[in-house]
Every structure is written in C-alpha cells, then in structure tokens.
Amino acid sequence: MIKTLTFAMMHFSIAVSVVYMLTGSLAVGGLVGLIEPMCNTVAFFFHEKLWERHRARRETGGPPAMVA
C-alpha cells in the first residue's frame, strides 16, 4: 500500500509541475493534477476490459480482437 501511495504522490507532483511550468498557474496545475488521475483510472478500467476480452478470445480460438 505504501508503494501505491508514493506512486500516487509522485504522479500528482509530476502532473502539477508540468502544468505549472506550461501555464504558470498553480491553481490550474493543481486542478489538472487532481482530474488527470481520475480520467486515467476510468480509461484504465476500459483498457483492462478490452485486454480481458482479447485474452479470452485468444484462449478460445475466437476471431482476433479488433484494435481501435
């Protein structure tokens, strides 16, 4: 759990720093630092679903999954 928390802190710090350097706004950096991981979490959920479908098709010998 500690590894996950330190990774989350690192991710947040990098996101805030990059956006701050690009915009000069700490408020915008903080907002992006909070929103971006949430969006990434949702995207990761669907990414995992697609990979699970792909794995199941490979195991059953079904047609190859389409790549979007």
PDB file of N, CA and C in Angstrom:
ATOM      1  N   MET A   1       0.820  -1.194   0.000  1.00  0.00           N
ATOM      2  CA  MET A   1       0.000   0.000   0.000  1.00  0.00           C
ATOM      3  C   MET A   1       0.868   1.264   0.000  1.00  0.00           C
ATOM      4  N   ILE A   2       1.983   1.198   0.688  1.00  0.00           N
ATOM      5  CA  ILE A   2       2.865   2.370   0.736  1.00  0.00           C
ATOM      6  C   ILE A   2       3.404   2.678  -0.651  1.00  0.00           C
ATOM      7  N   LYS A   3       3.750   1.631  -1.409  1.00  0.00           N
ATOM      8  CA  LYS A   3       4.257   1.836  -2.769  1.00  0.00           C
ATOM      9  C   LYS A   3       3.201   2.536  -3.622  1.00  0.00           C
ATOM     10  N   THR A   4       1.941   2.124  -3.493  1.00  0.00           N
ATOM     11  CA  THR A   4       0.850   2.741  -4.250  1.00  0.00           C
ATOM     12  C   THR A   4       0.690   4.209  -3.872  1.00  0.00           C
ATOM     13  N   LEU A   5       0.738   4.507  -2.595  1.00  0.00           N
ATOM     14  CA  LEU A   5       0.599   5.900  -2.141  1.00  0.00           C
ATOM     15  C   LEU A   5       1.759   6.767  -2.619  1.00  0.00           C
ATOM     16  N   THR A   6       2.979   6.243  -2.548  1.00  0.00           N
ATOM     17  CA  THR A   6       4.114   7.049  -3.007  1.00  0.00           C
ATOM     18  C   THR A   6       4.061   7.248  -4.517  1.00  0.00           C
ATOM     19  N   PHE A   7       3.572   6.232  -5.263  1.00  0.00           N
ATOM     20  CA  PHE A   7       3.418   6.405  -6.705  1.00  0.00           C
ATOM     21  C   PHE A   7       2.368   7.469  -7.003  1.00  0.00           C
ATOM     22  N   ALA A   8       1.264   7.456  -6.266  1.00  0.00           N
ATOM     23  CA  ALA A   8       0.213   8.454  -6.466  1.00  0.00           C
ATOM     24  C   ALA A   8       0.742   9.860  -6.176  1.00  0.00           C
ATOM     25  N   MET A   9       1.523  10.008  -5.121  1.00  0.00           N
ATOM     26  CA  MET A   9       2.100  11.322  -4.795  1.00  0.00           C
ATOM     27  C   MET A   9       3.059  11.775  -5.892  1.00  0.00           C
ATOM     28  N   MET A  10       3.855  10.836  -6.405  1.00  0.00           N
ATOM     29  CA  MET A  10       4.792  11.172  -7.476  1.00  0.00           C
ATOM     30  C   MET A  10       4.024  11.596  -8.732  1.00  0.00           C
ATOM     31  N   HIS A  11       2.986  10.839  -9.073  1.00  0.00           N
ATOM     32  CA  HIS A  11       2.174  11.139 -10.252  1.00  0.00           C
ATOM     33  C   HIS A  11       1.551  12.530 -10.128  1.00  0.00           C
ATOM     34  N   PHE A  12       0.960  12.822  -8.981  1.00  0.00           N
ATOM     35  CA  PHE A  12       0.350  14.121  -8.734  1.00  0.00           C
ATOM     36  C   PHE A  12       1.397  15.232  -8.842  1.00  0.00           C
ATOM     37  N   SER A  13       2.545  15.029  -8.232  1.00  0.00           N
ATOM     38  CA  SER A  13       3.604  16.050  -8.253  1.00  0.00           C
ATOM     39  C   SER A  13       4.085  16.337  -9.670  1.00  0.00           C
ATOM     40  N   ILE A  14       4.253  15.299 -10.462  1.00  0.00           N
ATOM     41  CA  ILE A  14       4.699  15.487 -11.841  1.00  0.00           C
ATOM     42  C   ILE A  14       3.640  16.219 -12.644  1.00  0.00           C
ATOM     43  N   ALA A  15       2.373  15.806 -12.506  1.00  0.00           N
ATOM     44  CA  ALA A  15       1.294  16.456 -13.258  1.00  0.00           C
ATOM     45  C   ALA A  15       1.197  17.938 -12.894  1.00  0.00           C
ATOM     46  N   VAL A  16       1.218  18.243 -11.614  1.00  0.00           N
ATOM     47  CA  VAL A  16       1.139  19.645 -11.178  1.00  0.00           C
ATOM     48  C   VAL A  16       2.338  20.422 -11.690  1.00  0.00           C
ATOM     49  N   SER A  17       3.526  19.855 -11.580  1.00  0.00           N
ATOM     50  CA  SER A  17       4.741  20.555 -12.008  1.00  0.00           C
ATOM     51  C   SER A  17       4.736  20.848 -13.504  1.00  0.00           C
ATOM     52  N   VAL A  18       4.370  19.857 -14.308  1.00  0.00           N
ATOM     53  CA  VAL A  18       4.366  20.054 -15.758  1.00  0.00           C
ATOM     54  C   VAL A  18       3.351  21.123 -16.151  1.00  0.00           C
ATOM     55  N   VAL A  19       2.151  21.040 -15.613  1.00  0.00           N
ATOM     56  CA  VAL A  19       1.125  22.024 -15.974  1.00  0.00           C
ATOM     57  C   VAL A  19       1.502  23.403 -15.445  1.00  0.00           C
ATOM     58  N   TYR A  20       2.084  23.465 -14.271  1.00  0.00           N
ATOM     59  CA  TYR A  20       2.527  24.756 -13.741  1.00  0.00           C
ATOM     60  C   TYR A  20       3.597  25.371 -14.643  1.00  0.00           C
ATOM     61  N   MET A  21       4.531  24.540 -15.100  1.00  0.00           N
ATOM     62  CA  MET A  21       5.585  25.060 -15.988  1.00  0.00           C
ATOM     63  C   MET A  21       5.001  25.530 -17.321  1.00  0.00           C
ATOM     64  N   LEU A  22       3.966  24.878 -17.791  1.00  0.00           N
ATOM     65  CA  LEU A  22       3.354  25.260 -19.064  1.00  0.00           C
ATOM     66  C   LEU A  22       2.450  26.483 -18.947  1.00  0.00           C
ATOM     67  N   THR A  23       1.763  26.614 -17.810  1.00  0.00           N
ATOM     68  CA  THR A  23       0.765  27.686 -17.676  1.00  0.00           C
ATOM     69  C   THR A  23       1.177  28.787 -16.714  1.00  0.00           C
ATOM     70  N   GLY A  24       2.067  28.491 -15.776  1.00  0.00           N
ATOM     71  CA  GLY A  24       2.432  29.464 -14.753  1.00  0.00           C
ATOM     72  C   GLY A  24       1.366  29.593 -13.668  1.00  0.00           C
ATOM     73  N   SER A  25       0.372  28.712 -13.703  1.00  0.00           N
ATOM     74  CA  SER A  25      -0.722  28.785 -12.734  1.00  0.00           C
ATOM     75  C   SER A  25      -0.697  27.553 -11.832  1.00  0.00           C
ATOM     76  N   LEU A  26      -0.519  27.799 -10.537  1.00  0.00           N
ATOM     77  CA  LEU A  26      -0.539  26.706  -9.580  1.00  0.00           C
ATOM     78  C   LEU A  26      -1.960  26.145  -9.447  1.00  0.00           C
ATOM     79  N   ALA A  27      -2.969  27.009  -9.571  1.00  0.00           N
ATOM     80  CA  ALA A  27      -4.362  26.554  -9.481  1.00  0.00           C
ATOM     81  C   ALA A  27      -4.691  25.592 -10.626  1.00  0.00           C
ATOM     82  N   VAL A  28      -4.307  25.953 -11.846  1.00  0.00           N
ATOM     83  CA  VAL A  28      -4.556  25.077 -12.990  1.00  0.00           C
ATOM     84  C   VAL A  28      -3.749  23.791 -12.835  1.00  0.00           C
ATOM     85  N   GLY A  29      -2.512  23.894 -12.388  1.00  0.00           N
ATOM     86  CA  GLY A  29      -1.683  22.711 -12.161  1.00  0.00           C
ATOM     87  C   GLY A  29      -2.311  21.772 -11.154  1.00  0.00           C
ATOM     88  N   GLY A  30      -2.819  22.325 -10.059  1.00  0.00           N
ATOM     89  CA  GLY A  30      -3.469  21.505  -9.042  1.00  0.00           C
ATOM     90  C   GLY A  30      -4.733  20.850  -9.557  1.00  0.00           C
ATOM     91  N   LEU A  31      -5.503  21.610 -10.323  1.00  0.00           N
ATOM     92  CA  LEU A  31      -6.741  21.063 -10.875  1.00  0.00           C
ATOM     93  C   LEU A  31      -6.448  19.906 -11.830  1.00  0.00           C
ATOM     94  N   VAL A  32      -5.495  20.104 -12.715  1.00  0.00           N
ATOM     95  CA  VAL A  32      -5.117  19.031 -13.642  1.00  0.00           C
ATOM     96  C   VAL A  32      -4.539  17.850 -12.866  1.00  0.00           C
ATOM     97  N   GLY A  33      -3.753  18.144 -11.844  1.00  0.00           N
ATOM     98  CA  GLY A  33      -3.174  17.090 -11.022  1.00  0.00           C
ATOM     99  C   GLY A  33      -4.223  16.234 -10.336  1.00  0.00           C
ATOM    100  N   LEU A  34      -5.387  16.797 -10.066  1.00  0.00           N
ATOM    101  CA  LEU A  34      -6.470  16.035  -9.453  1.00  0.00           C
ATOM    102  C   LEU A  34      -7.345  15.338 -10.485  1.00  0.00           C
ATOM    103  N   ILE A  35      -7.632  16.021 -11.585  1.00  0.00           N
ATOM    104  CA  ILE A  35      -8.556  15.483 -12.588  1.00  0.00           C
ATOM    105  C   ILE A  35      -7.901  14.404 -13.451  1.00  0.00           C
ATOM    106  N   GLU A  36      -6.668  14.617 -13.854  1.00  0.00           N
ATOM    107  CA  GLU A  36      -5.998  13.687 -14.770  1.00  0.00           C
ATOM    108  C   GLU A  36      -5.934  12.262 -14.223  1.00  0.00           C
ATOM    109  N   PRO A  37      -5.572  12.047 -12.953  1.00  0.00           N
ATOM    110  CA  PRO A  37      -5.562  10.665 -12.450  1.00  0.00           C
ATOM    111  C   PRO A  37      -6.961  10.026 -12.441  1.00  0.00           C
ATOM    112  N   MET A  38      -7.994  10.821 -12.202  1.00  0.00           N
ATOM    113  CA  MET A  38      -9.349  10.274 -12.244  1.00  0.00           C
ATOM    114  C   MET A  38      -9.690   9.799 -13.657  1.00  0.00           C
ATOM    115  N   CYS A  39      -9.351  10.615 -14.646  1.00  0.00           N
ATOM    116  CA  CYS A  39      -9.596  10.236 -16.046  1.00  0.00           C
ATOM    117  C   CYS A  39      -8.778   8.999 -16.409  1.00  0.00           C
ATOM    118  N   ASN A  40      -7.550   8.959 -15.952  1.00  0.00           N
ATOM    119  CA  ASN A  40      -6.684   7.809 -16.220  1.00  0.00           C
ATOM    120  C   ASN A  40      -7.240   6.536 -15.595  1.00  0.00           C
ATOM    121  N   THR A  41      -7.832   6.657 -14.425  1.00  0.00           N
ATOM    122  CA  THR A  41      -8.409   5.495 -13.750  1.00  0.00           C
ATOM    123  C   THR A  41      -9.565   4.919 -14.555  1.00  0.00           C
ATOM    124  N   VAL A  42     -10.421   5.785 -15.067  1.00  0.00           N
ATOM    125  CA  VAL A  42     -11.546   5.330 -15.885  1.00  0.00           C
ATOM    126  C   VAL A  42     -11.027   4.698 -17.179  1.00  0.00           C
ATOM    127  N   ALA A  43     -10.068   5.352 -17.805  1.00  0.00           N
ATOM    128  CA  ALA A  43      -9.503   4.815 -19.044  1.00  0.00           C
ATOM    129  C   ALA A  43      -8.844   3.460 -18.791  1.00  0.00           C
ATOM    130  N   PHE A  44      -8.153   3.324 -17.673  1.00  0.00           N
ATOM    131  CA  PHE A  44      -7.503   2.062 -17.338  1.00  0.00           C
ATOM    132  C   PHE A  44      -8.528   0.943 -17.160  1.00  0.00           C
ATOM    133  N   PHE A  45      -9.671   1.245 -16.553  1.00  0.00           N
ATOM    134  CA  PHE A  45     -10.729   0.257 -16.378  1.00  0.00           C
ATOM    135  C   PHE A  45     -11.151  -0.314 -17.725  1.00  0.00           C
ATOM    136  N   PHE A  46     -11.423   0.571 -18.698  1.00  0.00           N
ATOM    137  CA  PHE A  46     -11.846   0.110 -20.015  1.00  0.00           C
ATOM    138  C   PHE A  46     -10.710  -0.584 -20.766  1.00  0.00           C
ATOM    139  N   HIS A  47      -9.499  -0.121 -20.568  1.00  0.00           N
ATOM    140  CA  HIS A  47      -8.330  -0.756 -21.167  1.00  0.00           C
ATOM    141  C   HIS A  47      -8.214  -2.199 -20.681  1.00  0.00           C
ATOM    142  N   GLU A  48      -8.398  -2.414 -19.390  1.00  0.00           N
ATOM    143  CA  GLU A  48      -8.339  -3.757 -18.831  1.00  0.00           C
ATOM    144  C   GLU A  48      -9.464  -4.637 -19.376  1.00  0.00           C
ATOM    145  N   LYS A  49     -10.664  -4.076 -19.541  1.00  0.00           N
ATOM    146  CA  LYS A  49     -11.785  -4.835 -20.098  1.00  0.00           C
ATOM    147  C   LYS A  49     -11.464  -5.301 -21.520  1.00  0.00           C
ATOM    148  N   LEU A  50     -10.894  -4.408 -22.332  1.00  0.00           N
ATOM    149  CA  LEU A  50     -10.533  -4.768 -23.702  1.00  0.00           C
ATOM    150  C   LEU A  50      -9.467  -5.857 -23.731  1.00  0.00           C
ATOM    151  N   TRP A  51      -8.469  -5.733 -22.872  1.00  0.00           N
ATOM    152  CA  TRP A  51      -7.420  -6.743 -22.833  1.00  0.00           C
ATOM    153  C   TRP A  51      -7.961  -8.080 -22.337  1.00  0.00           C
ATOM    154  N   GLU A  52      -8.899  -8.049 -21.397  1.00  0.00           N
ATOM    155  CA  GLU A  52      -9.509  -9.291 -20.928  1.00  0.00           C
ATOM    156  C   GLU A  52     -10.284  -9.962 -22.061  1.00  0.00           C
ATOM    157  N   ARG A  53     -11.007  -9.178 -22.847  1.00  0.00           N
ATOM    158  CA  ARG A  53     -11.736  -9.719 -23.998  1.00  0.00           C
ATOM    159  C   ARG A  53     -10.756 -10.331 -25.003  1.00  0.00           C
ATOM    160  N   HIS A  54      -9.664  -9.628 -25.246  1.00  0.00           N
ATOM    161  CA  HIS A  54      -8.639 -10.119 -26.173  1.00  0.00           C
ATOM    162  C   HIS A  54      -8.058 -11.456 -25.676  1.00  0.00           C
ATOM    163  N   ARG A  55      -7.739 -11.528 -24.384  1.00  0.00           N
ATOM    164  CA  ARG A  55      -7.178 -12.743 -23.809  1.00  0.00           C
ATOM    165  C   ARG A  55      -8.167 -13.899 -23.914  1.00  0.00           C
ATOM    166  N   ALA A  56      -9.435 -13.631 -23.625  1.00  0.00           N
ATOM    167  CA  ALA A  56     -10.456 -14.682 -23.695  1.00  0.00           C
ATOM    168  C   ALA A  56     -10.606 -15.195 -25.120  1.00  0.00           C
ATOM    169  N   ARG A  57     -10.564 -14.306 -26.094  1.00  0.00           N
ATOM    170  CA  ARG A  57     -10.674 -14.735 -27.492  1.00  0.00           C
ATOM    171  C   ARG A  57      -9.486 -15.570 -27.915  1.00  0.00           C
ATOM    172  N   ARG A  58      -8.299 -15.203 -27.443  1.00  0.00           N
ATOM    173  CA  ARG A  58      -7.111 -15.993 -27.784  1.00  0.00           C
ATOM    174  C   ARG A  58      -7.185 -17.380 -27.178  1.00  0.00           C
ATOM    175  N   GLU A  59      -7.688 -17.471 -25.967  1.00  0.00           N
ATOM    176  CA  GLU A  59      -7.761 -18.762 -25.283  1.00  0.00           C
ATOM    177  C   GLU A  59      -8.815 -19.671 -25.908  1.00  0.00           C
ATOM    178  N   THR A  60      -9.899 -19.091 -26.431  1.00  0.00           N
ATOM    179  CA  THR A  60     -10.969 -19.906 -27.009  1.00  0.00           C
ATOM    180  C   THR A  60     -10.797 -20.106 -28.504  1.00  0.00           C
ATOM    181  N   GLY A  61      -9.798 -19.466 -29.077  1.00  0.00           N
ATOM    182  CA  GLY A  61      -9.568 -19.609 -30.511  1.00  0.00           C
ATOM    183  C   GLY A  61     -10.549 -18.823 -31.348  1.00  0.00           C
ATOM    184  N   GLY A  62     -11.189 -17.838 -30.756  1.00  0.00           N
ATOM    185  CA  GLY A  62     -12.145 -16.998 -31.463  1.00  0.00           C
ATOM    186  C   GLY A  62     -11.441 -16.059 -32.417  1.00  0.00           C
ATOM    187  N   PRO A  63     -12.215 -15.238 -33.100  1.00  0.00           N
ATOM    188  CA  PRO A  63     -11.599 -14.288 -34.034  1.00  0.00           C
ATOM    189  C   PRO A  63     -10.746 -13.282 -33.283  1.00  0.00           C
ATOM    190  N   PRO A  64      -9.700 -12.779 -33.914  1.00  0.00           N
ATOM    191  CA  PRO A  64      -8.846 -11.810 -33.240  1.00  0.00           C
ATOM    192  C   PRO A  64      -9.632 -10.555 -32.913  1.00  0.00           C
ATOM    193  N   ALA A  65      -9.297  -9.980 -31.772  1.00  0.00           N
ATOM    194  CA  ALA A  65      -9.970  -8.750 -31.345  1.00  0.00           C
ATOM    195  C   ALA A  65      -9.577  -7.605 -32.265  1.00  0.00           C
ATOM    196  N   MET A  66     -10.523  -6.747 -32.557  1.00  0.00           N
ATOM    197  CA  MET A  66     -10.243  -5.576 -33.388  1.00  0.00           C
ATOM    198  C   MET A  66      -9.526  -4.534 -32.548  1.00  0.00           C
ATOM    199  N   VAL A  67      -8.560  -3.892 -33.138  1.00  0.00           N
ATOM    200  CA  VAL A  67      -7.822  -2.846 -32.443  1.00  0.00           C
ATOM    201  C   VAL A  67      -8.363  -1.510 -32.916  1.00  0.00           C
ATOM    202  N   ALA A  68      -8.741  -0.700 -31.953  1.00  0.00           N
ATOM    203  CA  ALA A  68      -9.296   0.623 -32.300  1.00  0.00           C
ATOM    204  C   ALA A  68      -8.214   1.651 -32.368  1.00  0.00           C
TER     205      ALA A  68
END
